[in-house]
Amino acid sequence: METTKKLSHLKMYGAGHAAGGSYQNVSIKGEGTVGEGLRSERCRIFGTGRFLGDAETNRLKIFGEHEVEGDLSARSANVIGTLKIGGSMRFTRMRLKGLADISGSAAGEQCHIKGSLTVSGDCETEQLHVTGCINVAGLLNAGDVNIHLRYDQSKVKEIGGTSITVRRKPGLLKRKAGMLSAELIEGDTVYLEYTKADIVRGKHVEIGPGCKIGKIEYRTSCKTHEKSTVQEHIQI
């Protein structure tokens, strides 16, 4: 975010409400609500935060729970806890340990998730690394997709990428082991475990254990684990 003059800081302690607008740094320690149109260089939340409209910041750090009712734009976002976005999210780098729920679309360059990511629209990023659970209602498009299924049911309508890897990585807690379901998975190099898909398409395709695939369309090579089922193989 570019600024032409020195901006004031916004500091909130305990419980409070502040107007939106442009600030240098925003700090919430406790429970704080900020009005529509927030723009800041840095935003740090320790506790519970809420932005009533769209928000734009260069650096966002959350330790606790935070809700943005509109769109969120953050060059760098680091979250330990819960992030809920009522609109769409744009970022350069995002790191999350916890839960993120985005009602619109998500777009960025690097996204690292340990926990749960839910996107109601499309999700587009250069790198996507998820350990836990992922649900994308639309298209998941990334150059490098690396998903470690830890628990529960993950669901993505379509996955597209250069390199796509899906593995099961059970956690220490006794929870239902992770599974992924998708209508279409398409990439240059594809490796899948514990995945149910209608169509898998790629140059090099390897199906590991626990998969149920309707049809594989491959160009160069295709391997299938003995503990997986594939109804149809087609070399294209």
Protein backbone atom coordinates (compact mmCIF):
# COMPACT_ATOMS: atom_id res chain seq x y z
CA MET A 1 0.00 0.00 0.00
CA GLU A 2 1.49 3.37 -1.05
CA THR A 3 1.08 6.42 1.16
CA THR A 4 1.98 10.09 0.57
CA LYS A 5 1.89 11.31 4.17
CA LYS A 6 2.51 10.05 7.66
CA LEU A 7 -0.48 8.10 8.90
CA SER A 8 -1.63 7.63 12.46
CA HIS A 9 -1.63 4.33 14.31
CA LEU A 10 -4.75 2.57 15.54
CA LYS A 11 -4.41 0.76 18.87
CA MET A 12 -7.29 -1.01 20.57
CA TYR A 13 -7.08 -2.67 24.00
CA GLY A 14 -9.87 -4.60 25.68
CA ALA A 15 -13.11 -4.11 23.74
CA GLY A 16 -13.76 -1.29 21.32
CA HIS A 17 -14.90 0.05 17.96
CA ALA A 18 -13.02 2.30 15.53
CA ALA A 19 -13.81 3.94 12.21
CA GLY A 20 -12.36 2.64 8.99
CA GLY A 21 -9.90 4.61 6.90
CA SER A 22 -6.15 4.70 6.34
CA TYR A 23 -3.71 3.91 9.15
CA GLN A 24 -0.02 3.12 9.41
CA ASN A 25 -0.30 0.24 11.89
CA VAL A 26 -3.39 -1.39 13.37
CA SER A 27 -3.13 -3.33 16.64
CA ILE A 28 -6.02 -5.08 18.38
CA LYS A 29 -5.43 -6.75 21.73
CA GLY A 30 -8.68 -8.11 23.09
CA GLU A 31 -11.85 -7.64 21.04
CA GLY A 32 -12.07 -4.94 18.40
CA THR A 33 -14.23 -3.92 15.44
CA VAL A 34 -13.10 -1.61 12.63
CA GLY A 35 -15.48 0.06 10.17
CA GLU A 36 -15.53 -0.12 6.39
CA GLY A 37 -12.64 0.83 4.14
CA LEU A 38 -9.64 -0.10 6.27
CA ARG A 39 -6.22 0.40 4.67
CA SER A 40 -3.00 -0.12 6.62
CA GLU A 41 0.67 -0.97 6.31
CA ARG A 42 0.53 -3.51 9.12
CA CYS A 43 -2.29 -5.15 11.04
CA ARG A 44 -1.85 -7.35 14.12
CA ILE A 45 -4.67 -9.00 16.04
CA PHE A 46 -4.30 -10.75 19.38
CA GLY A 47 -7.73 -12.02 20.37
CA THR A 48 -10.88 -11.35 18.33
CA GLY A 49 -11.07 -8.89 15.45
CA ARG A 50 -13.73 -7.85 12.96
CA PHE A 51 -13.61 -5.63 9.86
CA LEU A 52 -17.05 -4.47 8.73
CA GLY A 53 -16.20 -3.99 5.04
CA ASP A 54 -13.33 -4.47 2.59
CA ALA A 55 -9.81 -4.30 4.01
CA GLU A 56 -6.34 -3.86 2.52
CA THR A 57 -3.03 -4.32 4.33
CA ASN A 58 0.54 -5.17 3.47
CA ARG A 59 1.20 -7.38 6.49
CA LEU A 60 -1.46 -9.20 8.47
CA LYS A 61 -0.84 -11.27 11.60
CA ILE A 62 -3.63 -12.98 13.52
CA PHE A 63 -3.37 -14.83 16.81
CA GLY A 64 -6.95 -15.78 17.60
CA GLU A 65 -10.14 -15.18 15.59
CA HIS A 66 -10.75 -12.65 12.86
CA GLU A 67 -13.63 -11.90 10.49
CA VAL A 68 -13.69 -9.68 7.41
CA GLU A 69 -17.21 -9.03 6.13
CA GLY A 70 -16.02 -7.92 2.67
CA ASP A 71 -12.94 -8.61 0.54
CA LEU A 72 -9.46 -8.88 2.03
CA SER A 73 -6.21 -7.97 0.28
CA ALA A 74 -2.99 -8.78 2.13
CA ARG A 75 0.51 -8.99 0.68
CA SER A 76 1.59 -11.21 3.60
CA ALA A 77 -0.89 -13.04 5.85
CA ASN A 78 0.11 -15.15 8.85
CA VAL A 79 -2.72 -16.72 10.83
CA ILE A 80 -2.67 -18.87 13.94
CA GLY A 81 -6.33 -19.46 14.71
CA THR A 82 -9.43 -18.77 12.62
CA LEU A 83 -9.95 -16.49 9.62
CA LYS A 84 -13.39 -15.92 8.05
CA ILE A 85 -13.79 -13.86 4.87
CA GLY A 86 -17.25 -12.76 3.71
CA GLY A 87 -15.97 -11.91 0.22
CA SER A 88 -12.83 -12.85 -1.70
CA MET A 89 -9.18 -12.85 -0.64
CA ARG A 90 -6.07 -11.74 -2.52
CA PHE A 91 -2.58 -12.36 -1.16
CA THR A 92 1.06 -12.81 -2.10
CA ARG A 93 2.01 -15.16 0.74
CA MET A 94 -0.32 -16.85 3.19
CA ARG A 95 0.53 -19.12 6.11
CA LEU A 96 -2.23 -20.58 8.25
CA LYS A 97 -2.29 -22.87 11.25
CA GLY A 98 -5.94 -23.35 12.02
CA LEU A 99 -9.04 -22.74 9.93
CA ALA A 100 -9.83 -20.42 7.01
CA ASP A 101 -13.30 -20.00 5.48
CA ILE A 102 -13.51 -17.81 2.35
CA SER A 103 -17.00 -17.16 0.96
CA GLY A 104 -15.74 -15.89 -2.40
CA SER A 105 -12.62 -16.77 -4.36
CA ALA A 106 -8.97 -16.89 -3.29
CA ALA A 107 -5.93 -15.89 -5.36
CA GLY A 108 -2.24 -15.52 -4.52
CA GLU A 109 1.26 -16.85 -5.04
CA GLN A 110 2.20 -19.01 -2.05
CA CYS A 111 -0.29 -20.68 0.28
CA HIS A 112 0.70 -22.98 3.15
CA ILE A 113 -2.10 -24.46 5.26
CA LYS A 114 -1.93 -26.65 8.35
CA GLY A 115 -5.52 -27.24 9.29
CA SER A 116 -8.61 -26.60 7.17
CA LEU A 117 -9.18 -24.41 4.11
CA THR A 118 -12.65 -23.81 2.65
CA VAL A 119 -13.20 -21.69 -0.47
CA SER A 120 -16.72 -21.26 -1.85
CA GLY A 121 -15.47 -20.04 -5.25
CA ASP A 122 -12.27 -20.72 -7.20
CA CYS A 123 -8.78 -20.93 -5.68
CA GLU A 124 -5.75 -19.93 -7.76
CA THR A 125 -2.14 -19.84 -6.54
CA GLU A 126 1.36 -20.68 -7.73
CA GLN A 127 2.07 -23.00 -4.78
CA LEU A 128 -0.48 -24.71 -2.56
CA HIS A 129 0.64 -26.91 0.32
CA VAL A 130 -2.09 -28.27 2.60
CA THR A 131 -1.76 -30.58 5.58
CA GLY A 132 -5.22 -31.35 6.89
CA CYS A 133 -8.45 -30.79 4.98
CA ILE A 134 -9.39 -28.72 1.91
CA ASN A 135 -12.75 -27.91 0.31
CA VAL A 136 -13.02 -25.82 -2.86
CA ALA A 137 -16.43 -25.50 -4.51
CA GLY A 138 -14.98 -24.36 -7.84
CA LEU A 139 -11.65 -24.78 -9.64
CA LEU A 140 -8.40 -25.25 -7.74
CA ASN A 141 -5.62 -24.10 -10.08
CA ALA A 142 -1.97 -24.06 -9.00
CA GLY A 143 1.44 -24.74 -10.46
CA ASP A 144 2.42 -26.97 -7.53
CA VAL A 145 -0.33 -28.74 -5.57
CA ASN A 146 0.76 -30.74 -2.53
CA ILE A 147 -2.01 -32.07 -0.28
CA HIS A 148 -1.50 -34.24 2.79
CA LEU A 149 -4.87 -35.63 3.85
CA ARG A 150 -4.92 -35.76 7.62
CA TYR A 151 -8.60 -36.05 8.58
CA ASP A 152 -12.20 -35.86 7.36
CA GLN A 153 -13.52 -35.57 3.80
CA SER A 154 -11.87 -33.12 1.42
CA LYS A 155 -13.75 -32.10 -1.71
CA VAL A 156 -12.63 -30.06 -4.73
CA LYS A 157 -14.72 -29.78 -7.88
CA GLU A 158 -11.75 -29.59 -10.27
CA ILE A 159 -7.98 -29.55 -9.73
CA GLY A 160 -5.56 -28.27 -12.36
CA GLY A 161 -1.81 -27.87 -12.04
CA THR A 162 1.66 -28.69 -13.30
CA SER A 163 2.53 -31.06 -10.43
CA ILE A 164 -0.25 -32.55 -8.29
CA THR A 165 0.46 -34.76 -5.28
CA VAL A 166 -2.15 -36.09 -2.86
CA ARG A 167 -1.08 -38.30 0.03
CA ARG A 168 -2.65 -39.49 3.25
CA LYS A 169 -0.91 -38.36 6.42
CA PRO A 170 -2.89 -39.49 9.48
CA GLY A 171 -2.71 -37.31 12.57
CA LEU A 172 -2.14 -38.33 16.16
CA LEU A 173 -5.78 -37.83 17.17
CA LYS A 174 -8.30 -40.60 16.56
CA ARG A 175 -10.28 -38.97 13.76
CA LYS A 176 -11.64 -40.31 10.51
CA ALA A 177 -8.76 -40.71 8.05
CA GLY A 178 -8.62 -38.20 5.21
CA MET A 179 -10.12 -38.75 1.75
CA LEU A 180 -10.34 -36.49 -1.30
CA SER A 181 -13.09 -36.42 -3.90
CA ALA A 182 -13.06 -34.51 -7.20
CA GLU A 183 -14.81 -34.52 -10.55
CA LEU A 184 -11.64 -33.82 -12.57
CA ILE A 185 -7.92 -33.83 -11.73
CA GLU A 186 -5.59 -32.69 -14.51
CA GLY A 187 -1.85 -32.02 -14.48
CA ASP A 188 1.46 -32.84 -16.13
CA THR A 189 2.57 -35.08 -13.25
CA VAL A 190 -0.12 -36.56 -11.00
CA TYR A 191 0.26 -38.79 -7.95
CA LEU A 192 -2.83 -39.69 -5.90
CA GLU A 193 -3.63 -41.60 -2.73
CA TYR A 194 -7.05 -42.15 -1.13
CA THR A 195 -8.78 -40.15 -3.83
CA LYS A 196 -12.11 -40.62 -5.56
CA ALA A 197 -12.27 -38.93 -8.98
CA ASP A 198 -14.40 -39.21 -12.09
CA ILE A 199 -11.55 -38.33 -14.47
CA VAL A 200 -7.78 -38.09 -14.00
CA ARG A 201 -5.82 -36.66 -16.91
CA GLY A 202 -2.07 -36.09 -17.26
CA LYS A 203 1.25 -36.80 -18.92
CA HIS A 204 2.56 -39.00 -16.10
CA VAL A 205 -0.12 -40.48 -13.83
CA GLU A 206 0.47 -42.71 -10.81
CA ILE A 207 -2.38 -43.98 -8.68
CA GLY A 208 -1.35 -44.99 -5.16
CA PRO A 209 -3.40 -46.94 -2.61
CA GLY A 210 -7.01 -46.30 -1.65
CA CYS A 211 -8.22 -44.66 -4.89
CA LYS A 212 -11.41 -45.10 -6.90
CA ILE A 213 -11.04 -43.59 -10.37
CA GLY A 214 -13.60 -43.62 -13.16
CA LYS A 215 -11.30 -42.91 -16.10
CA ILE A 216 -7.59 -42.14 -16.57
CA GLU A 217 -6.46 -40.30 -19.69
CA TYR A 218 -2.65 -40.32 -19.91
CA ARG A 219 -0.10 -39.34 -22.53
CA THR A 220 3.19 -41.00 -21.50
CA SER A 221 2.92 -43.29 -18.47
CA CYS A 222 0.34 -44.67 -16.05
CA LYS A 223 0.72 -46.85 -12.94
CA THR A 224 -1.99 -48.14 -10.62
CA HIS A 225 -1.59 -49.57 -7.11
CA GLU A 226 -3.13 -53.00 -6.51
CA LYS A 227 -5.31 -51.57 -3.73
CA SER A 228 -6.94 -49.03 -6.04
CA THR A 229 -9.61 -49.44 -8.70
CA VAL A 230 -9.71 -47.77 -12.12
CA GLN A 231 -12.61 -48.45 -14.47
CA GLU A 232 -10.95 -47.27 -17.68
CA HIS A 233 -7.45 -46.41 -18.96
CA ILE A 234 -7.01 -44.41 -22.17
CA GLN A 235 -3.71 -43.33 -23.72
CA ILE A 236 -4.20 -40.08 -25.61
